[in-house]
Structure formats: C-alpha cells, structure tokens
C-alpha cells in the first residue's frame, strides 16, 4: 500500500483488513515502497499516482512491474489528465 496521506492510508488498510486481506506493509513515498516490497514480496501493490518526494507512483510502478514482477493497481484522488496518461503509459513502459 503506497499512499502519502496518512489518514487515507490507514483507512484503506483498515478496510482491506476487514475484508480479510493481509496488508504486507505501507509506504508514503516511492523509494520506501520499493524497499519494503523488495523485502516483503507482496502479491499486489495499491499505488497512489501522486506521491510526495522525488519519485511519483508511476515511476515506482514501472519498477514494481518490470523488476519485481508485482502487479500494481492505482489509487488517486487526482483529476489531473496528465497523471492519468502517465499511469496508462506505465504498463507499456514496464513491458519494454
């Protein structure tokens, strides 16, 4: 779970746990997410598109897909068309 808003992250984690899913870990930036995923090897990553710091969720997602071979589902409250386009393009980039 990668979300930079602590309250949103906690809420999503609580909902996933209530539905019977195990949350392997949470991160609020791309670098931390990659480190944690490398250690815990999750089955899936829920990723916010827009993150604080120098690595956006779309950049981390390319790493998850191409290097760690972990699927990514994006979560976002953003309505930025450019961010949506980058998210759509990550599947193609990860396959290259």
N, C-alpha and C. Protein backbone atom coordinates (compact mmCIF):
# COMPACT_ATOMS: atom_id res chain seq x y z
N UNK A 1 0.85 -1.16 0.00
CA UNK A 1 0.00 0.00 0.00
C UNK A 1 0.90 1.23 0.00
N UNK A 2 0.76 2.05 -1.04
CA UNK A 2 1.59 3.26 -1.14
C UNK A 2 0.67 4.47 -1.25
N UNK A 3 0.63 5.25 -0.20
CA UNK A 3 -0.24 6.42 -0.12
C UNK A 3 0.43 7.43 0.80
N UNK A 4 0.56 8.68 0.34
CA UNK A 4 1.26 9.68 1.14
C UNK A 4 0.38 10.43 2.12
N UNK A 5 -0.90 10.22 2.10
CA UNK A 5 -1.80 10.83 3.08
C UNK A 5 -2.08 9.79 4.17
N UNK A 6 -1.57 10.03 5.37
CA UNK A 6 -1.63 9.05 6.45
C UNK A 6 -3.05 8.59 6.79
N UNK A 7 -3.99 9.51 6.83
CA UNK A 7 -5.37 9.15 7.18
C UNK A 7 -5.98 8.27 6.10
N UNK A 8 -5.74 8.59 4.85
CA UNK A 8 -6.25 7.79 3.74
C UNK A 8 -5.63 6.40 3.77
N UNK A 9 -4.32 6.34 3.99
CA UNK A 9 -3.62 5.07 4.05
C UNK A 9 -4.18 4.19 5.16
N UNK A 10 -4.34 4.75 6.35
CA UNK A 10 -4.87 3.99 7.48
C UNK A 10 -6.28 3.49 7.20
N UNK A 11 -7.12 4.32 6.59
CA UNK A 11 -8.49 3.93 6.26
C UNK A 11 -8.51 2.76 5.27
N UNK A 12 -7.72 2.86 4.22
CA UNK A 12 -7.68 1.79 3.22
C UNK A 12 -7.15 0.50 3.83
N UNK A 13 -6.11 0.60 4.65
CA UNK A 13 -5.56 -0.59 5.30
C UNK A 13 -6.61 -1.24 6.21
N UNK A 14 -7.35 -0.43 6.97
CA UNK A 14 -8.41 -0.96 7.84
C UNK A 14 -9.48 -1.67 7.03
N UNK A 15 -9.86 -1.08 5.91
CA UNK A 15 -10.90 -1.69 5.07
C UNK A 15 -10.42 -3.00 4.46
N UNK A 16 -9.19 -3.03 4.00
CA UNK A 16 -8.64 -4.26 3.43
C UNK A 16 -8.57 -5.37 4.47
N UNK A 17 -8.12 -5.01 5.67
CA UNK A 17 -8.04 -5.99 6.75
C UNK A 17 -9.43 -6.51 7.11
N UNK A 18 -10.41 -5.62 7.18
CA UNK A 18 -11.78 -6.03 7.49
C UNK A 18 -12.35 -6.97 6.43
N UNK A 19 -11.87 -6.83 5.20
CA UNK A 19 -12.32 -7.71 4.11
C UNK A 19 -11.55 -9.02 4.07
N UNK A 20 -10.59 -9.18 4.99
CA UNK A 20 -9.84 -10.42 5.08
C UNK A 20 -8.51 -10.45 4.37
N UNK A 21 -8.08 -9.30 3.86
CA UNK A 21 -6.79 -9.23 3.18
C UNK A 21 -5.68 -8.92 4.17
N UNK A 22 -4.49 -9.41 3.90
CA UNK A 22 -3.33 -9.09 4.71
C UNK A 22 -2.58 -7.95 4.03
N UNK A 23 -2.32 -6.89 4.76
CA UNK A 23 -1.56 -5.76 4.25
C UNK A 23 -0.10 -6.00 4.63
N UNK A 24 0.73 -6.23 3.63
CA UNK A 24 2.14 -6.58 3.87
C UNK A 24 2.93 -5.40 4.40
N UNK A 25 2.50 -4.19 4.09
CA UNK A 25 3.21 -3.00 4.54
C UNK A 25 2.65 -1.76 3.90
N UNK A 26 3.07 -0.64 4.40
CA UNK A 26 2.62 0.64 3.86
C UNK A 26 3.82 1.56 3.74
N UNK A 27 3.77 2.41 2.73
CA UNK A 27 4.83 3.39 2.49
C UNK A 27 4.18 4.69 2.03
N UNK A 28 4.89 5.79 2.26
CA UNK A 28 4.34 7.07 1.82
C UNK A 28 5.15 7.73 0.71
N UNK A 29 6.16 7.00 0.19
CA UNK A 29 6.93 7.52 -0.94
C UNK A 29 7.45 6.35 -1.77
N UNK A 30 7.87 6.62 -2.98
CA UNK A 30 8.28 5.58 -3.91
C UNK A 30 9.49 4.79 -3.46
N UNK A 31 10.49 5.47 -2.93
CA UNK A 31 11.72 4.77 -2.51
C UNK A 31 11.45 3.80 -1.36
N UNK A 32 10.68 4.25 -0.39
CA UNK A 32 10.33 3.38 0.74
C UNK A 32 9.47 2.21 0.26
N UNK A 33 8.57 2.47 -0.68
CA UNK A 33 7.71 1.40 -1.21
C UNK A 33 8.54 0.32 -1.89
N UNK A 34 9.52 0.72 -2.68
CA UNK A 34 10.38 -0.25 -3.36
C UNK A 34 11.18 -1.07 -2.34
N UNK A 35 11.72 -0.40 -1.34
CA UNK A 35 12.48 -1.11 -0.31
C UNK A 35 11.60 -2.14 0.41
N UNK A 36 10.41 -1.73 0.82
CA UNK A 36 9.51 -2.63 1.55
C UNK A 36 9.03 -3.78 0.66
N UNK A 37 8.71 -3.49 -0.59
CA UNK A 37 8.24 -4.53 -1.49
C UNK A 37 9.34 -5.53 -1.81
N UNK A 38 10.56 -5.06 -1.91
CA UNK A 38 11.69 -5.96 -2.15
C UNK A 38 11.84 -6.93 -0.99
N UNK A 39 11.60 -6.45 0.23
CA UNK A 39 11.70 -7.30 1.43
C UNK A 39 10.51 -8.23 1.59
N UNK A 40 9.30 -7.71 1.40
CA UNK A 40 8.10 -8.49 1.73
C UNK A 40 7.49 -9.25 0.56
N UNK A 41 7.86 -8.90 -0.68
CA UNK A 41 7.36 -9.57 -1.88
C UNK A 41 5.83 -9.72 -1.89
N UNK A 42 5.09 -8.62 -1.89
CA UNK A 42 3.63 -8.70 -1.88
C UNK A 42 3.08 -9.25 -3.20
N UNK A 43 1.85 -9.71 -3.17
CA UNK A 43 1.19 -10.22 -4.37
C UNK A 43 0.68 -9.08 -5.26
N UNK A 44 0.46 -7.91 -4.67
CA UNK A 44 -0.14 -6.79 -5.37
C UNK A 44 0.25 -5.50 -4.64
N UNK A 45 0.38 -4.42 -5.39
CA UNK A 45 0.64 -3.10 -4.79
C UNK A 45 -0.50 -2.17 -5.15
N UNK A 46 -1.07 -1.52 -4.13
CA UNK A 46 -2.03 -0.44 -4.34
C UNK A 46 -1.22 0.84 -4.28
N UNK A 47 -1.26 1.63 -5.34
CA UNK A 47 -0.33 2.75 -5.51
C UNK A 47 -1.05 4.06 -5.81
N UNK A 48 -0.77 5.07 -5.00
CA UNK A 48 -1.24 6.42 -5.30
C UNK A 48 -0.39 6.94 -6.46
N UNK A 49 -1.00 7.60 -7.41
CA UNK A 49 -0.26 8.13 -8.56
C UNK A 49 0.66 9.27 -8.15
N UNK A 50 0.13 10.18 -7.36
CA UNK A 50 0.88 11.37 -6.96
C UNK A 50 1.40 11.17 -5.54
N UNK A 51 2.72 11.15 -5.38
CA UNK A 51 3.34 10.97 -4.07
C UNK A 51 4.23 12.16 -3.73
N UNK A 52 4.48 12.34 -2.46
CA UNK A 52 5.44 13.35 -2.02
C UNK A 52 6.84 12.83 -2.33
N UNK A 53 7.77 13.73 -2.52
CA UNK A 53 9.14 13.33 -2.78
C UNK A 53 9.48 13.35 -4.25
N UNK A 54 10.65 12.81 -4.57
CA UNK A 54 11.17 12.91 -5.94
C UNK A 54 10.76 11.76 -6.84
N UNK A 55 10.02 10.78 -6.33
CA UNK A 55 9.58 9.66 -7.16
C UNK A 55 8.06 9.55 -7.09
N UNK A 56 7.41 9.73 -8.23
CA UNK A 56 5.96 9.59 -8.30
C UNK A 56 5.57 8.11 -8.32
N UNK A 57 4.31 7.86 -8.04
CA UNK A 57 3.81 6.49 -8.03
C UNK A 57 3.97 5.79 -9.36
N UNK A 58 3.85 6.54 -10.44
CA UNK A 58 4.00 5.93 -11.76
C UNK A 58 5.42 5.43 -11.98
N UNK A 59 6.41 6.15 -11.47
CA UNK A 59 7.80 5.71 -11.60
C UNK A 59 8.06 4.45 -10.78
N UNK A 60 7.55 4.44 -9.55
CA UNK A 60 7.71 3.25 -8.71
C UNK A 60 6.98 2.06 -9.33
N UNK A 61 5.84 2.29 -9.93
CA UNK A 61 5.07 1.21 -10.55
C UNK A 61 5.84 0.53 -11.67
N UNK A 62 6.58 1.30 -12.44
CA UNK A 62 7.39 0.71 -13.51
C UNK A 62 8.40 -0.27 -12.90
N UNK A 63 9.01 0.12 -11.81
CA UNK A 63 9.97 -0.76 -11.13
C UNK A 63 9.27 -2.02 -10.61
N UNK A 64 8.12 -1.84 -9.97
CA UNK A 64 7.38 -2.99 -9.44
C UNK A 64 7.06 -3.99 -10.54
N UNK A 65 6.61 -3.48 -11.67
CA UNK A 65 6.20 -4.37 -12.75
C UNK A 65 7.38 -4.99 -13.48
N UNK A 66 8.38 -4.19 -13.81
CA UNK A 66 9.46 -4.68 -14.67
C UNK A 66 10.55 -5.43 -13.91
N UNK A 67 10.84 -5.04 -12.68
CA UNK A 67 11.93 -5.66 -11.93
C UNK A 67 11.41 -6.69 -10.92
N UNK A 68 10.40 -6.30 -10.14
CA UNK A 68 9.88 -7.21 -9.11
C UNK A 68 8.74 -8.09 -9.61
N UNK A 69 8.20 -7.77 -10.78
CA UNK A 69 7.09 -8.53 -11.38
C UNK A 69 5.88 -8.59 -10.46
N UNK A 70 5.55 -7.45 -9.87
CA UNK A 70 4.40 -7.32 -8.99
C UNK A 70 3.37 -6.43 -9.69
N UNK A 71 2.12 -6.89 -9.81
CA UNK A 71 1.10 -6.04 -10.42
C UNK A 71 0.77 -4.84 -9.53
N UNK A 72 0.32 -3.77 -10.18
CA UNK A 72 0.02 -2.51 -9.48
C UNK A 72 -1.39 -2.08 -9.84
N UNK A 73 -2.13 -1.67 -8.84
CA UNK A 73 -3.43 -1.02 -9.03
C UNK A 73 -3.28 0.39 -8.52
N UNK A 74 -3.63 1.36 -9.36
CA UNK A 74 -3.51 2.76 -8.96
C UNK A 74 -4.74 3.22 -8.19
N UNK A 75 -4.47 4.06 -7.19
CA UNK A 75 -5.49 4.77 -6.43
C UNK A 75 -5.14 6.24 -6.52
N UNK A 76 -6.12 7.09 -6.74
CA UNK A 76 -5.82 8.52 -6.76
C UNK A 76 -7.08 9.34 -6.55
N UNK A 77 -6.90 10.48 -5.94
CA UNK A 77 -7.97 11.46 -5.83
C UNK A 77 -7.75 12.56 -6.86
N UNK A 78 -6.65 12.46 -7.61
CA UNK A 78 -6.30 13.48 -8.59
C UNK A 78 -7.18 13.38 -9.83
N UNK A 79 -7.49 14.53 -10.39
CA UNK A 79 -8.23 14.55 -11.65
C UNK A 79 -7.36 15.13 -12.76
N UNK A 80 -6.05 15.11 -12.54
CA UNK A 80 -5.08 15.63 -13.49
C UNK A 80 -4.95 14.68 -14.68
N UNK A 81 -5.33 15.13 -15.87
CA UNK A 81 -5.30 14.29 -17.07
C UNK A 81 -3.90 13.79 -17.39
N UNK A 82 -2.90 14.64 -17.16
CA UNK A 82 -1.52 14.23 -17.43
C UNK A 82 -1.11 13.06 -16.53
N UNK A 83 -1.53 13.09 -15.26
CA UNK A 83 -1.23 11.99 -14.33
C UNK A 83 -1.91 10.70 -14.80
N UNK A 84 -3.13 10.79 -15.27
CA UNK A 84 -3.83 9.61 -15.78
C UNK A 84 -3.10 9.04 -16.99
N UNK A 85 -2.63 9.90 -17.87
CA UNK A 85 -1.92 9.44 -19.06
C UNK A 85 -0.62 8.74 -18.66
N UNK A 86 0.12 9.31 -17.71
CA UNK A 86 1.35 8.66 -17.24
C UNK A 86 1.03 7.28 -16.65
N UNK A 87 -0.05 7.19 -15.90
CA UNK A 87 -0.44 5.90 -15.31
C UNK A 87 -0.77 4.89 -16.40
N UNK A 88 -1.48 5.29 -17.42
CA UNK A 88 -1.81 4.38 -18.53
C UNK A 88 -0.55 3.94 -19.26
N UNK A 89 0.40 4.84 -19.37
CA UNK A 89 1.64 4.54 -20.10
C UNK A 89 2.59 3.60 -19.35
N UNK A 90 2.45 3.50 -18.04
CA UNK A 90 3.38 2.67 -17.27
C UNK A 90 3.30 1.20 -17.65
N UNK A 91 2.16 0.72 -18.04
CA UNK A 91 2.05 -0.69 -18.44
C UNK A 91 2.92 -0.96 -19.65
N UNK A 92 2.87 -0.07 -20.61
CA UNK A 92 3.70 -0.22 -21.81
C UNK A 92 5.18 -0.10 -21.48
N UNK A 93 5.54 0.87 -20.63
CA UNK A 93 6.94 1.07 -20.26
C UNK A 93 7.49 -0.12 -19.48
N UNK A 94 6.70 -0.69 -18.62
CA UNK A 94 7.15 -1.82 -17.81
C UNK A 94 7.37 -3.06 -18.67
N UNK A 95 6.68 -3.14 -19.79
CA UNK A 95 6.81 -4.29 -20.68
C UNK A 95 8.00 -4.18 -21.61
N UNK A 96 8.57 -2.99 -21.72
CA UNK A 96 9.69 -2.75 -22.65
C UNK A 96 10.98 -3.34 -22.16
